[in-house]
C-alpha atoms as a PDB file:
ATOM      1  CA  MET A   1     -13.009 -11.350  12.385  1.00  0.00           C
ATOM      2  CA  HIS A   2     -14.802  -8.058  12.482  1.00  0.00           C
ATOM      3  CA  PHE A   3     -12.634  -5.003  12.098  1.00  0.00           C
ATOM      4  CA  VAL A   4     -12.972  -1.272  11.965  1.00  0.00           C
ATOM      5  CA  LEU A   5     -11.158   0.727   9.193  1.00  0.00           C
ATOM      6  CA  ARG A   6     -10.343   4.306  10.207  1.00  0.00           C
ATOM      7  CA  GLU A   7      -7.989   7.143   9.613  1.00  0.00           C
ATOM      8  CA  MET A   8      -4.980   7.075  11.942  1.00  0.00           C
ATOM      9  CA  PRO A   9      -4.308  10.471  13.513  1.00  0.00           C
ATOM     10  CA  ARG A  10      -0.742  11.786  13.956  1.00  0.00           C
ATOM     11  CA  ALA A  11      -0.934  11.260  17.695  1.00  0.00           C
ATOM     12  CA  GLU A  12      -0.984   7.498  17.086  1.00  0.00           C
ATOM     13  CA  ILE A  13       2.466   7.364  15.495  1.00  0.00           C
ATOM     14  CA  PRO A  14       3.808   5.564  18.694  1.00  0.00           C
ATOM     15  CA  ARG A  15       1.144   2.934  18.111  1.00  0.00           C
ATOM     16  CA  LEU A  16       2.095   2.569  14.466  1.00  0.00           C
ATOM     17  CA  GLN A  17       5.728   2.120  15.526  1.00  0.00           C
ATOM     18  CA  GLU A  18       4.738  -0.558  17.991  1.00  0.00           C
ATOM     19  CA  PHE A  19       2.828  -2.325  15.225  1.00  0.00           C
ATOM     20  CA  PHE A  20       5.811  -2.229  12.852  1.00  0.00           C
ATOM     21  CA  ALA A  21       8.133  -3.555  15.601  1.00  0.00           C
ATOM     22  CA  ALA A  22       5.726  -6.366  16.391  1.00  0.00           C
ATOM     23  CA  ASN A  23       5.381  -7.289  12.694  1.00  0.00           C
ATOM     24  CA  PRO A  24       8.705  -6.762  11.039  1.00  0.00           C
ATOM     25  CA  GLU A  25       8.409  -9.272   8.160  1.00  0.00           C
ATOM     26  CA  TYR A  26       7.694  -6.665   5.475  1.00  0.00           C
ATOM     27  CA  PHE A  27      10.862  -4.667   6.505  1.00  0.00           C
ATOM     28  CA  LEU A  28      13.017  -7.667   6.644  1.00  0.00           C
ATOM     29  CA  ALA A  29      11.804  -8.931   3.228  1.00  0.00           C
ATOM     30  CA  VAL A  30      11.932  -5.594   1.472  1.00  0.00           C
ATOM     31  CA  GLU A  31      14.613  -3.512   3.232  1.00  0.00           C
ATOM     32  CA  GLY A  32      16.761  -6.285   4.639  1.00  0.00           C
ATOM     33  CA  ARG A  33      16.467  -5.025   8.202  1.00  0.00           C
ATOM     34  CA  PRO A  34      13.836  -4.693  10.892  1.00  0.00           C
ATOM     35  CA  PRO A  35      11.953  -1.370  11.276  1.00  0.00           C
ATOM     36  CA  GLY A  36      14.084   1.310  12.946  1.00  0.00           C
ATOM     37  CA  PRO A  37      13.050   3.220  16.116  1.00  0.00           C
ATOM     38  CA  ASP A  38      11.545   6.068  14.012  1.00  0.00           C
ATOM     39  CA  THR A  39      10.003   4.120  11.103  1.00  0.00           C
ATOM     40  CA  GLY A  40       6.435   4.880  12.236  1.00  0.00           C
ATOM     41  CA  ARG A  41       6.993   8.658  12.100  1.00  0.00           C
ATOM     42  CA  GLU A  42       8.918   8.356   8.815  1.00  0.00           C
ATOM     43  CA  GLU A  43       6.179   6.291   7.219  1.00  0.00           C
ATOM     44  CA  TYR A  44       3.465   8.651   8.520  1.00  0.00           C
ATOM     45  CA  ASP A  45       5.302  11.718   7.288  1.00  0.00           C
ATOM     46  CA  GLN A  46       6.568  10.327   3.976  1.00  0.00           C
ATOM     47  CA  GLU A  47       5.019  12.173   1.042  1.00  0.00           C
ATOM     48  CA  PRO A  48       5.372  11.551  -2.731  1.00  0.00           C
ATOM     49  CA  PRO A  49       7.966  13.568  -4.538  1.00  0.00           C
ATOM     50  CA  ALA A  50       7.206  17.284  -4.932  1.00  0.00           C
ATOM     51  CA  GLU A  51       6.821  17.093  -8.646  1.00  0.00           C
ATOM     52  CA  TRP A  52       4.004  14.466  -8.383  1.00  0.00           C
ATOM     53  CA  SER A  53       0.529  15.748  -8.280  1.00  0.00           C
ATOM     54  CA  TYR A  54      -1.808  14.311  -5.650  1.00  0.00           C
ATOM     55  CA  ASP A  55      -4.579  15.439  -3.195  1.00  0.00           C
ATOM     56  CA  ARG A  56      -3.740  13.787   0.127  1.00  0.00           C
ATOM     57  CA  LYS A  57      -2.034  10.885   1.839  1.00  0.00           C
ATOM     58  CA  HIS A  58      -4.220   8.784   4.236  1.00  0.00           C
ATOM     59  CA  VAL A  59      -2.769   6.581   6.955  1.00  0.00           C
ATOM     60  CA  LEU A  60      -5.300   4.022   7.874  1.00  0.00           C
ATOM     61  CA  ALA A  61      -5.745   1.602  10.795  1.00  0.00           C
ATOM     62  CA  PHE A  62      -7.580  -1.676  10.933  1.00  0.00           C
ATOM     63  CA  GLU A  63      -8.640  -2.556  14.446  1.00  0.00           C
ATOM     64  CA  ASP A  64     -10.211  -5.761  15.737  1.00  0.00           C
ATOM     65  CA  PRO A  65     -13.105  -5.653  18.165  1.00  0.00           C
ATOM     66  CA  SER A  66     -10.791  -5.232  21.152  1.00  0.00           C
ATOM     67  CA  GLY A  67      -9.241  -2.171  19.585  1.00  0.00           C
ATOM     68  CA  SER A  68      -5.898  -3.758  18.694  1.00  0.00           C
ATOM     69  CA  LEU A  69      -4.215  -2.652  15.513  1.00  0.00           C
ATOM     70  CA  VAL A  70      -4.170  -5.681  13.126  1.00  0.00           C
ATOM     71  CA  ALA A  71      -3.271  -3.962   9.836  1.00  0.00           C
ATOM     72  CA  MET A  72      -2.334  -0.596   8.415  1.00  0.00           C
ATOM     73  CA  ALA A  73      -2.303   0.999   4.962  1.00  0.00           C
ATOM     74  CA  ASP A  74      -1.214   4.228   3.452  1.00  0.00           C
ATOM     75  CA  VAL A  75      -3.032   5.451   0.378  1.00  0.00           C
ATOM     76  CA  ILE A  76      -2.341   8.519  -1.823  1.00  0.00           C
ATOM     77  CA  ALA A  77      -5.514  10.020  -3.276  1.00  0.00           C
ATOM     78  CA  ASN A  78      -5.565  11.143  -6.794  1.00  0.00           C
ATOM     79  CA  LEU A  79      -1.886  10.500  -7.605  1.00  0.00           C
ATOM     80  CA  PHE A  80      -0.947  11.831 -11.013  1.00  0.00           C
ATOM     81  CA  SER A  81      -4.517  12.078 -12.086  1.00  0.00           C
ATOM     82  CA  LYS A  82      -8.014  12.287 -10.545  1.00  0.00           C
ATOM     83  CA  GLY A  83      -9.263   8.807  -9.798  1.00  0.00           C
ATOM     84  CA  VAL A  84      -5.928   7.123  -9.492  1.00  0.00           C
ATOM     85  CA  TRP A  85      -5.229   6.104  -5.849  1.00  0.00           C
ATOM     86  CA  HIS A  86      -1.881   4.547  -4.958  1.00  0.00           C
ATOM     87  CA  LEU A  87      -1.547   1.992  -2.113  1.00  0.00           C
ATOM     88  CA  GLY A  88       1.829   2.782  -0.784  1.00  0.00           C
ATOM     89  CA  LEU A  89       1.975   0.294   2.128  1.00  0.00           C
ATOM     90  CA  TYR A  90      -0.320  -2.458   3.240  1.00  0.00           C
ATOM     91  CA  ILE A  91       0.850  -4.497   6.318  1.00  0.00           C
ATOM     92  CA  VAL A  92      -1.214  -7.121   8.070  1.00  0.00           C
ATOM     93  CA  ALA A  93      -0.234  -8.487  11.451  1.00  0.00           C
ATOM     94  CA  THR A  94       1.833 -11.696  10.995  1.00  0.00           C
ATOM     95  CA  ARG A  95      -0.552 -13.744  13.189  1.00  0.00           C
ATOM     96  CA  LEU A  96      -3.256 -13.207  10.590  1.00  0.00           C
ATOM     97  CA  HIS A  97      -1.185 -14.308   7.523  1.00  0.00           C
ATOM     98  CA  GLY A  98      -2.872 -17.257   5.876  1.00  0.00           C
ATOM     99  CA  THR A  99      -6.198 -16.790   7.587  1.00  0.00           C
ATOM    100  CA  GLY A 100      -8.106 -14.933   4.773  1.00  0.00           C
ATOM    101  CA  GLU A 101      -8.247 -11.693   6.953  1.00  0.00           C
ATOM    102  CA  ALA A 102      -5.750  -9.795   4.731  1.00  0.00           C
ATOM    103  CA  ARG A 103      -8.112 -10.375   1.810  1.00  0.00           C
ATOM    104  CA  ALA A 104     -11.158  -9.254   3.835  1.00  0.00           C
ATOM    105  CA  MET A 105      -9.390  -6.138   5.077  1.00  0.00           C
ATOM    106  CA  TYR A 106      -8.155  -5.287   1.550  1.00  0.00           C
ATOM    107  CA  GLU A 107     -11.694  -5.640   0.120  1.00  0.00           C
ATOM    108  CA  ALA A 108     -12.889  -3.139   2.712  1.00  0.00           C
ATOM    109  CA  LEU A 109     -10.003  -0.851   1.842  1.00  0.00           C
ATOM    110  CA  GLU A 110     -10.914  -1.117  -1.801  1.00  0.00           C
ATOM    111  CA  GLU A 111     -14.582  -0.113  -0.969  1.00  0.00           C
ATOM    112  CA  TRP A 112     -13.258   2.768   1.039  1.00  0.00           C
ATOM    113  CA  MET A 113     -11.088   3.961  -1.914  1.00  0.00           C
ATOM    114  CA  LYS A 114     -14.037   3.695  -4.358  1.00  0.00           C
ATOM    115  CA  ALA A 115     -16.254   5.694  -1.972  1.00  0.00           C
ATOM    116  CA  GLY A 116     -13.634   8.390  -2.011  1.00  0.00           C
ATOM    117  CA  GLY A 117     -13.564   8.563  -5.789  1.00  0.00           C
ATOM    118  CA  ALA A 118     -10.982   5.997  -6.810  1.00  0.00           C
ATOM    119  CA  ASN A 119     -11.382   4.531 -10.320  1.00  0.00           C
ATOM    120  CA  TRP A 120      -8.074   2.650 -10.200  1.00  0.00           C
ATOM    121  CA  SER A 121      -5.785   1.370  -7.461  1.00  0.00           C
ATOM    122  CA  ARG A 122      -2.095   1.357  -8.157  1.00  0.00           C
ATOM    123  CA  LEU A 123       0.781  -0.204  -6.146  1.00  0.00           C
ATOM    124  CA  GLY A 124       4.361  -1.349  -6.310  1.00  0.00           C
ATOM    125  CA  VAL A 125       5.417  -4.815  -5.209  1.00  0.00           C
ATOM    126  CA  VAL A 126       8.997  -5.922  -4.800  1.00  0.00           C
ATOM    127  CA  VAL A 127      10.007  -8.561  -7.413  1.00  0.00           C
ATOM    128  CA  GLY A 128      10.868 -11.724  -5.457  1.00  0.00           C
ATOM    129  CA  ASN A 129       8.566 -10.955  -2.525  1.00  0.00           C
ATOM    130  CA  ALA A 130       6.680 -14.043  -3.566  1.00  0.00           C
ATOM    131  CA  ARG A 131       3.933 -13.903  -0.879  1.00  0.00           C
ATOM    132  CA  ALA A 132       3.048 -10.216  -1.791  1.00  0.00           C
ATOM    133  CA  GLU A 133       3.224 -10.926  -5.546  1.00  0.00           C
ATOM    134  CA  ARG A 134       0.743 -13.828  -5.198  1.00  0.00           C
ATOM    135  CA  PHE A 135      -1.595 -11.739  -2.929  1.00  0.00           C
ATOM    136  CA  TRP A 136      -1.748  -8.794  -5.369  1.00  0.00           C
ATOM    137  CA  ASN A 137      -2.301 -11.110  -8.306  1.00  0.00           C
ATOM    138  CA  ARG A 138      -5.105 -12.801  -6.512  1.00  0.00           C
ATOM    139  CA  MET A 139      -6.708  -9.430  -5.652  1.00  0.00           C
ATOM    140  CA  GLY A 140      -6.855  -8.659  -9.431  1.00  0.00           C
ATOM    141  CA  TYR A 141      -3.923  -6.421 -10.036  1.00  0.00           C
ATOM    142  CA  THR A 142      -2.064  -6.476 -13.398  1.00  0.00           C
ATOM    143  CA  GLU A 143       1.546  -5.482 -13.870  1.00  0.00           C
ATOM    144  CA  VAL A 144       1.945  -2.382 -16.158  1.00  0.00           C
ATOM    145  CA  ARG A 145       5.652  -1.853 -15.903  1.00  0.00           C
ATOM    146  CA  GLN A 146       8.717  -2.560 -13.824  1.00  0.00           C
ATOM    147  CA  ARG A 147      11.017  -0.035 -12.132  1.00  0.00           C
ATOM    148  CA  ARG A 148      14.585  -1.254 -11.610  1.00  0.00           C
ATOM    149  CA  GLY A 149      17.137  -0.558  -9.001  1.00  0.00           C
ATOM    150  CA  ILE A 150      15.081   1.165  -6.313  1.00  0.00           C
ATOM    151  CA  ALA A 151      16.927   1.718  -3.043  1.00  0.00           C
ATOM    152  CA  MET A 152      14.910   0.467  -0.084  1.00  0.00           C
ATOM    153  CA  GLY A 153      16.744   0.329   3.289  1.00  0.00           C
ATOM    154  CA  GLU A 154      19.792  -1.924   2.852  1.00  0.00           C
ATOM    155  CA  ARG A 155      18.597  -3.436  -0.385  1.00  0.00           C
ATOM    156  CA  THR A 156      18.171  -2.312  -4.015  1.00  0.00           C
ATOM    157  CA  ASN A 157      14.923  -3.820  -5.454  1.00  0.00           C
ATOM    158  CA  ASP A 158      13.081  -4.034  -8.653  1.00  0.00           C
ATOM    159  CA  LEU A 159       9.408  -3.115  -8.331  1.00  0.00           C
ATOM    160  CA  ARG A 160       6.335  -4.456 -10.304  1.00  0.00           C
ATOM    161  CA  VAL A 161       3.942  -1.453 -10.826  1.00  0.00           C
ATOM    162  CA  MET A 162       0.507  -2.970 -10.660  1.00  0.00           C
ATOM    163  CA  VAL A 163      -2.898  -1.462 -11.321  1.00  0.00           C
ATOM    164  CA  LYS A 164      -6.497  -2.614 -10.753  1.00  0.00           C
ATOM    165  CA  PRO A 165      -9.563  -0.958 -12.243  1.00  0.00           C
ATOM    166  CA  LEU A 166     -12.054  -0.526  -9.472  1.00  0.00           C
ATOM    167  CA  THR A 167     -15.086   1.018 -11.282  1.00  0.00           C
ATOM    168  CA  GLY A 168     -15.262  -0.663 -14.764  1.00  0.00           C
ATOM    169  CA  ARG A 169     -13.015   1.902 -16.331  1.00  0.00           C
ATOM    170  CA  GLY A 170     -10.314   0.305 -18.446  1.00  0.00           C
ATOM    171  CA  MET A 171      -6.564   0.005 -18.460  1.00  0.00           C
ATOM    172  CA  ASP A 172      -6.266   1.849 -21.722  1.00  0.00           C
ATOM    173  CA  GLU A 173      -7.889   4.912 -20.071  1.00  0.00           C
ATOM    174  CA  TYR A 174      -5.608   4.490 -17.070  1.00  0.00           C
ATOM    175  CA  LEU A 175      -2.554   4.381 -19.181  1.00  0.00           C
ATOM    176  CA  ALA A 176      -3.684   7.514 -21.131  1.00  0.00           C
ATOM    177  CA  LEU A 177      -3.888   9.305 -17.773  1.00  0.00           C
ATOM    178  CA  VAL A 178      -0.677   7.960 -16.178  1.00  0.00           C
ATOM    179  CA  THR A 179       1.721   7.846 -19.190  1.00  0.00           C
ATOM    180  CA  ARG A 180       4.724   7.224 -16.796  1.00  0.00           C
ATOM    181  CA  ASP A 181       3.436   3.726 -16.490  1.00  0.00           C
ATOM    182  CA  LEU A 182       4.100   3.190 -20.205  1.00  0.00           C
ATOM    183  CA  GLU A 183       7.814   3.920 -19.557  1.00  0.00           C
ATOM    184  CA  THR A 184      10.439   1.248 -19.026  1.00  0.00           C
ATOM    185  CA  THR A 185      13.054   1.915 -16.339  1.00  0.00           C
END
């Protein structure tokens, strides 16, 4: 499948909400409930904590040739340090699971991040979300720490913080820049 990756403007929050409602699996697995009626706006507006340094949050749409939304991602540029980009959420339409399209779209996202200056990509995956854990391991991410007892919807989850070097820079350099990922919690 061919797709277009583009920034999603605020005016498309209703479209994001429709996508979440049509593809609730992430929310059911991680939060223990389907997306609420305002989840699209909440996700679009959610920013990192005020004490965390970063440049900008990007909400991205992946569209098929007909213009249908088939995946979305939110990415925080330069989180904690220049060159560290955080993938906060990546959801692919359920009908595309198992087709290889999630990988193709992720690879395009990775190229987009690198073009924007990313040297490392960082994310958190819920321990026990086996499908997501397998996917991120296949994409080349390595666990650097775990965060325990994170409230998410109706659940409390443990998270695997995972990192992938994108430009040949090493994990030692990453950990020197993002020392919080050396901590255990």
